[in-house]
């Protein structure tokens, strides 16, 4: 559901911007994922970043 509003042609753009946002603002989340950690806090952050990005791309 999170990407259902993103046209297929824009998925690569979403992916690039999503990773950039995580690298710039949520490095701790990326570090935790690299260590194999995934909990409700990390999932919530990923979902919020994705939802915010979908909104910005939808405008």
PDB file of N, CA and C in Angstrom:
ATOM      1  N   UNK A   1       0.724  -1.189   0.000  1.00  0.00           N
ATOM      2  CA  UNK A   1       0.000   0.000   0.000  1.00  0.00           C
ATOM      3  C   UNK A   1       0.784   1.289   0.000  1.00  0.00           C
ATOM      4  N   UNK A   2       1.985   1.334   0.579  1.00  0.00           N
ATOM      5  CA  UNK A   2       2.683   2.619   0.684  1.00  0.00           C
ATOM      6  C   UNK A   2       3.026   3.221  -0.675  1.00  0.00           C
ATOM      7  N   UNK A   3       3.333   2.380  -1.636  1.00  0.00           N
ATOM      8  CA  UNK A   3       3.761   2.891  -2.944  1.00  0.00           C
ATOM      9  C   UNK A   3       2.656   2.844  -3.988  1.00  0.00           C
ATOM     10  N   UNK A   4       1.437   2.532  -3.588  1.00  0.00           N
ATOM     11  CA  UNK A   4       0.362   2.368  -4.560  1.00  0.00           C
ATOM     12  C   UNK A   4       0.059   3.648  -5.336  1.00  0.00           C
ATOM     13  N   UNK A   5       0.385   4.809  -4.782  1.00  0.00           N
ATOM     14  CA  UNK A   5       0.136   6.074  -5.480  1.00  0.00           C
ATOM     15  C   UNK A   5       1.298   6.489  -6.382  1.00  0.00           C
ATOM     16  N   UNK A   6       2.390   5.741  -6.337  1.00  0.00           N
ATOM     17  CA  UNK A   6       3.562   6.063  -7.153  1.00  0.00           C
ATOM     18  C   UNK A   6       3.461   5.299  -8.470  1.00  0.00           C
ATOM     19  N   UNK A   7       3.446   6.010  -9.609  1.00  0.00           N
ATOM     20  CA  UNK A   7       3.449   5.310 -10.892  1.00  0.00           C
ATOM     21  C   UNK A   7       4.725   4.470 -11.037  1.00  0.00           C
ATOM     22  N   UNK A   8       4.608   3.358 -11.719  1.00  0.00           N
ATOM     23  CA  UNK A   8       5.742   2.444 -11.890  1.00  0.00           C
ATOM     24  C   UNK A   8       6.958   3.185 -12.438  1.00  0.00           C
ATOM     25  N   UNK A   9       6.738   4.116 -13.348  1.00  0.00           N
ATOM     26  CA  UNK A   9       7.858   4.848 -13.957  1.00  0.00           C
ATOM     27  C   UNK A   9       8.616   5.709 -12.939  1.00  0.00           C
ATOM     28  N   UNK A  10       8.006   5.992 -11.781  1.00  0.00           N
ATOM     29  CA  UNK A  10       8.643   6.842 -10.771  1.00  0.00           C
ATOM     30  C   UNK A  10       9.198   6.066  -9.584  1.00  0.00           C
ATOM     31  N   UNK A  11       9.144   4.743  -9.630  1.00  0.00           N
ATOM     32  CA  UNK A  11       9.603   3.938  -8.500  1.00  0.00           C
ATOM     33  C   UNK A  11      11.103   4.115  -8.273  1.00  0.00           C
ATOM     34  N   UNK A  12      11.891   4.174  -9.335  1.00  0.00           N
ATOM     35  CA  UNK A  12      13.342   4.362  -9.176  1.00  0.00           C
ATOM     36  C   UNK A  12      13.644   5.711  -8.527  1.00  0.00           C
ATOM     37  N   UNK A  13      12.913   6.746  -8.917  1.00  0.00           N
ATOM     38  CA  UNK A  13      13.088   8.064  -8.302  1.00  0.00           C
ATOM     39  C   UNK A  13      12.733   7.986  -6.821  1.00  0.00           C
ATOM     40  N   UNK A  14      11.621   7.319  -6.499  1.00  0.00           N
ATOM     41  CA  UNK A  14      11.228   7.155  -5.098  1.00  0.00           C
ATOM     42  C   UNK A  14      12.333   6.448  -4.329  1.00  0.00           C
ATOM     43  N   UNK A  15      12.842   5.361  -4.889  1.00  0.00           N
ATOM     44  CA  UNK A  15      13.882   4.580  -4.212  1.00  0.00           C
ATOM     45  C   UNK A  15      15.114   5.438  -3.923  1.00  0.00           C
ATOM     46  N   UNK A  16      15.547   6.193  -4.921  1.00  0.00           N
ATOM     47  CA  UNK A  16      16.741   7.031  -4.748  1.00  0.00           C
ATOM     48  C   UNK A  16      16.515   8.089  -3.671  1.00  0.00           C
ATOM     49  N   UNK A  17      15.368   8.746  -3.709  1.00  0.00           N
ATOM     50  CA  UNK A  17      15.088   9.793  -2.728  1.00  0.00           C
ATOM     51  C   UNK A  17      14.866   9.207  -1.333  1.00  0.00           C
ATOM     52  N   UNK A  18      14.257   8.032  -1.257  1.00  0.00           N
ATOM     53  CA  UNK A  18      14.029   7.355   0.020  1.00  0.00           C
ATOM     54  C   UNK A  18      15.367   7.040   0.683  1.00  0.00           C
ATOM     55  N   UNK A  19      16.282   6.465  -0.077  1.00  0.00           N
ATOM     56  CA  UNK A  19      17.595   6.138   0.473  1.00  0.00           C
ATOM     57  C   UNK A  19      18.369   7.394   0.861  1.00  0.00           C
ATOM     58  N   UNK A  20      18.258   8.443   0.069  1.00  0.00           N
ATOM     59  CA  UNK A  20      18.921   9.703   0.398  1.00  0.00           C
ATOM     60  C   UNK A  20      18.385  10.270   1.709  1.00  0.00           C
ATOM     61  N   UNK A  21      17.066  10.242   1.878  1.00  0.00           N
ATOM     62  CA  UNK A  21      16.466  10.738   3.124  1.00  0.00           C
ATOM     63  C   UNK A  21      16.946   9.916   4.317  1.00  0.00           C
ATOM     64  N   UNK A  22      17.000   8.600   4.150  1.00  0.00           N
ATOM     65  CA  UNK A  22      17.461   7.753   5.249  1.00  0.00           C
ATOM     66  C   UNK A  22      18.924   8.038   5.575  1.00  0.00           C
ATOM     67  N   UNK A  23      19.750   8.179   4.549  1.00  0.00           N
ATOM     68  CA  UNK A  23      21.177   8.457   4.781  1.00  0.00           C
ATOM     69  C   UNK A  23      21.385   9.798   5.476  1.00  0.00           C
ATOM     70  N   UNK A  24      20.595  10.791   5.090  1.00  0.00           N
ATOM     71  CA  UNK A  24      20.780  12.144   5.616  1.00  0.00           C
ATOM     72  C   UNK A  24      20.131  12.376   6.977  1.00  0.00           C
ATOM     73  N   UNK A  25      18.990  11.736   7.221  1.00  0.00           N
ATOM     74  CA  UNK A  25      18.231  12.057   8.430  1.00  0.00           C
ATOM     75  C   UNK A  25      18.023  10.884   9.382  1.00  0.00           C
ATOM     76  N   UNK A  26      18.261   9.675   8.917  1.00  0.00           N
ATOM     77  CA  UNK A  26      17.977   8.498   9.744  1.00  0.00           C
ATOM     78  C   UNK A  26      19.076   7.451   9.596  1.00  0.00           C
ATOM     79  N   UNK A  27      20.318   7.905   9.701  1.00  0.00           N
ATOM     80  CA  UNK A  27      21.457   6.994   9.556  1.00  0.00           C
ATOM     81  C   UNK A  27      21.397   5.865  10.579  1.00  0.00           C
ATOM     82  N   UNK A  28      20.876   6.157  11.756  1.00  0.00           N
ATOM     83  CA  UNK A  28      20.754   5.136  12.796  1.00  0.00           C
ATOM     84  C   UNK A  28      19.864   3.977  12.357  1.00  0.00           C
ATOM     85  N   UNK A  29      18.829   4.284  11.593  1.00  0.00           N
ATOM     86  CA  UNK A  29      17.933   3.237  11.092  1.00  0.00           C
ATOM     87  C   UNK A  29      18.670   2.366  10.079  1.00  0.00           C
ATOM     88  N   UNK A  30      19.391   2.995   9.165  1.00  0.00           N
ATOM     89  CA  UNK A  30      20.162   2.217   8.188  1.00  0.00           C
ATOM     90  C   UNK A  30      21.204   1.348   8.876  1.00  0.00           C
ATOM     91  N   UNK A  31      21.872   1.899   9.867  1.00  0.00           N
ATOM     92  CA  UNK A  31      22.880   1.130  10.607  1.00  0.00           C
ATOM     93  C   UNK A  31      22.243  -0.071  11.297  1.00  0.00           C
ATOM     94  N   UNK A  32      21.078   0.129  11.892  1.00  0.00           N
ATOM     95  CA  UNK A  32      20.381  -0.970  12.563  1.00  0.00           C
ATOM     96  C   UNK A  32      19.981  -2.051  11.560  1.00  0.00           C
ATOM     97  N   UNK A  33      19.493  -1.643  10.399  1.00  0.00           N
ATOM     98  CA  UNK A  33      19.113  -2.616   9.366  1.00  0.00           C
ATOM     99  C   UNK A  33      20.323  -3.412   8.889  1.00  0.00           C
ATOM    100  N   UNK A  34      21.450  -2.733   8.730  1.00  0.00           N
ATOM    101  CA  UNK A  34      22.675  -3.418   8.304  1.00  0.00           C
ATOM    102  C   UNK A  34      23.108  -4.460   9.321  1.00  0.00           C
ATOM    103  N   UNK A  35      22.761  -4.231  10.586  1.00  0.00           N
ATOM    104  CA  UNK A  35      23.098  -5.180  11.652  1.00  0.00           C
ATOM    105  C   UNK A  35      22.027  -6.263  11.806  1.00  0.00           C
ATOM    106  N   UNK A  36      21.015  -6.230  10.940  1.00  0.00           N
ATOM    107  CA  UNK A  36      19.968  -7.243  10.984  1.00  0.00           C
ATOM    108  C   UNK A  36      18.866  -6.964  11.983  1.00  0.00           C
ATOM    109  N   UNK A  37      18.810  -5.751  12.483  1.00  0.00           N
ATOM    110  CA  UNK A  37      17.788  -5.393  13.464  1.00  0.00           C
ATOM    111  C   UNK A  37      16.554  -4.835  12.755  1.00  0.00           C
ATOM    112  N   UNK A  38      15.396  -5.213  13.250  1.00  0.00           N
ATOM    113  CA  UNK A  38      14.141  -4.673  12.740  1.00  0.00           C
ATOM    114  C   UNK A  38      13.121  -4.773  13.862  1.00  0.00           C
ATOM    115  N   UNK A  39      12.693  -3.615  14.350  1.00  0.00           N
ATOM    116  CA  UNK A  39      11.691  -3.602  15.409  1.00  0.00           C
ATOM    117  C   UNK A  39      10.602  -2.600  15.037  1.00  0.00           C
ATOM    118  N   UNK A  40       9.647  -2.414  15.925  1.00  0.00           N
ATOM    119  CA  UNK A  40       8.523  -1.528  15.634  1.00  0.00           C
ATOM    120  C   UNK A  40       8.962  -0.083  15.420  1.00  0.00           C
ATOM    121  N   UNK A  41       9.968   0.363  16.137  1.00  0.00           N
ATOM    122  CA  UNK A  41      10.461   1.733  15.980  1.00  0.00           C
ATOM    123  C   UNK A  41      11.067   1.928  14.595  1.00  0.00           C
ATOM    124  N   UNK A  42      11.881   0.983  14.173  1.00  0.00           N
ATOM    125  CA  UNK A  42      12.514   1.064  12.851  1.00  0.00           C
ATOM    126  C   UNK A  42      11.451   0.994  11.760  1.00  0.00           C
ATOM    127  N   UNK A  43      10.525   0.050  11.896  1.00  0.00           N
ATOM    128  CA  UNK A  43       9.450  -0.092  10.918  1.00  0.00           C
ATOM    129  C   UNK A  43       8.634   1.196  10.837  1.00  0.00           C
ATOM    130  N   UNK A  44       8.316   1.780  11.977  1.00  0.00           N
ATOM    131  CA  UNK A  44       7.561   3.030  12.003  1.00  0.00           C
ATOM    132  C   UNK A  44       8.290   4.161  11.308  1.00  0.00           C
ATOM    133  N   UNK A  45       9.591   4.252  11.534  1.00  0.00           N
ATOM    134  CA  UNK A  45      10.389   5.290  10.877  1.00  0.00           C
ATOM    135  C   UNK A  45      10.393   5.087   9.371  1.00  0.00           C
ATOM    136  N   UNK A  46      10.597   3.855   8.924  1.00  0.00           N
ATOM    137  CA  UNK A  46      10.599   3.564   7.490  1.00  0.00           C
ATOM    138  C   UNK A  46       9.253   3.917   6.858  1.00  0.00           C
ATOM    139  N   UNK A  47       8.171   3.561   7.533  1.00  0.00           N
ATOM    140  CA  UNK A  47       6.837   3.853   7.005  1.00  0.00           C
ATOM    141  C   UNK A  47       6.574   5.353   6.958  1.00  0.00           C
ATOM    142  N   UNK A  48       7.003   6.084   7.983  1.00  0.00           N
ATOM    143  CA  UNK A  48       6.787   7.532   8.004  1.00  0.00           C
ATOM    144  C   UNK A  48       7.597   8.226   6.916  1.00  0.00           C
ATOM    145  N   UNK A  49       8.850   7.848   6.767  1.00  0.00           N
ATOM    146  CA  UNK A  49       9.687   8.447   5.721  1.00  0.00           C
ATOM    147  C   UNK A  49       9.078   8.159   4.348  1.00  0.00           C
ATOM    148  N   UNK A  50       8.646   6.925   4.130  1.00  0.00           N
ATOM    149  CA  UNK A  50       8.037   6.559   2.850  1.00  0.00           C
ATOM    150  C   UNK A  50       6.756   7.348   2.610  1.00  0.00           C
ATOM    151  N   UNK A  51       5.895   7.442   3.613  1.00  0.00           N
ATOM    152  CA  UNK A  51       4.633   8.169   3.462  1.00  0.00           C
ATOM    153  C   UNK A  51       4.878   9.650   3.181  1.00  0.00           C
ATOM    154  N   UNK A  52       5.826  10.252   3.889  1.00  0.00           N
ATOM    155  CA  UNK A  52       6.155  11.662   3.657  1.00  0.00           C
ATOM    156  C   UNK A  52       6.683  11.875   2.246  1.00  0.00           C
ATOM    157  N   UNK A  53       7.494  10.957   1.781  1.00  0.00           N
ATOM    158  CA  UNK A  53       8.052  11.070   0.435  1.00  0.00           C
ATOM    159  C   UNK A  53       6.965  10.892  -0.621  1.00  0.00           C
ATOM    160  N   UNK A  54       6.064   9.950  -0.419  1.00  0.00           N
ATOM    161  CA  UNK A  54       4.953   9.754  -1.356  1.00  0.00           C
ATOM    162  C   UNK A  54       4.134  11.040  -1.449  1.00  0.00           C
ATOM    163  N   UNK A  55       3.859  11.672  -0.314  1.00  0.00           N
ATOM    164  CA  UNK A  55       3.105  12.934  -0.314  1.00  0.00           C
ATOM    165  C   UNK A  55       3.840  14.008  -1.104  1.00  0.00           C
ATOM    166  N   UNK A  56       5.149  14.109  -0.908  1.00  0.00           N
ATOM    167  CA  UNK A  56       5.908  15.154  -1.599  1.00  0.00           C
ATOM    168  C   UNK A  56       5.978  14.893  -3.101  1.00  0.00           C
ATOM    169  N   UNK A  57       6.022  13.636  -3.502  1.00  0.00           N
ATOM    170  CA  UNK A  57       6.065  13.311  -4.929  1.00  0.00           C
ATOM    171  C   UNK A  57       4.694  13.433  -5.570  1.00  0.00           C
ATOM    172  N   UNK A  58       3.644  13.354  -4.761  1.00  0.00           N
ATOM    173  CA  UNK A  58       2.270  13.418  -5.259  1.00  0.00           C
ATOM    174  C   UNK A  58       1.858  14.853  -5.565  1.00  0.00           C
ATOM    175  N   UNK A  59       2.572  15.821  -4.997  1.00  0.00           N
ATOM    176  CA  UNK A  59       2.208  17.235  -5.190  1.00  0.00           C
ATOM    177  C   UNK A  59       2.689  17.769  -6.493  1.00  0.00           C
TER     178      UNK A  59
END
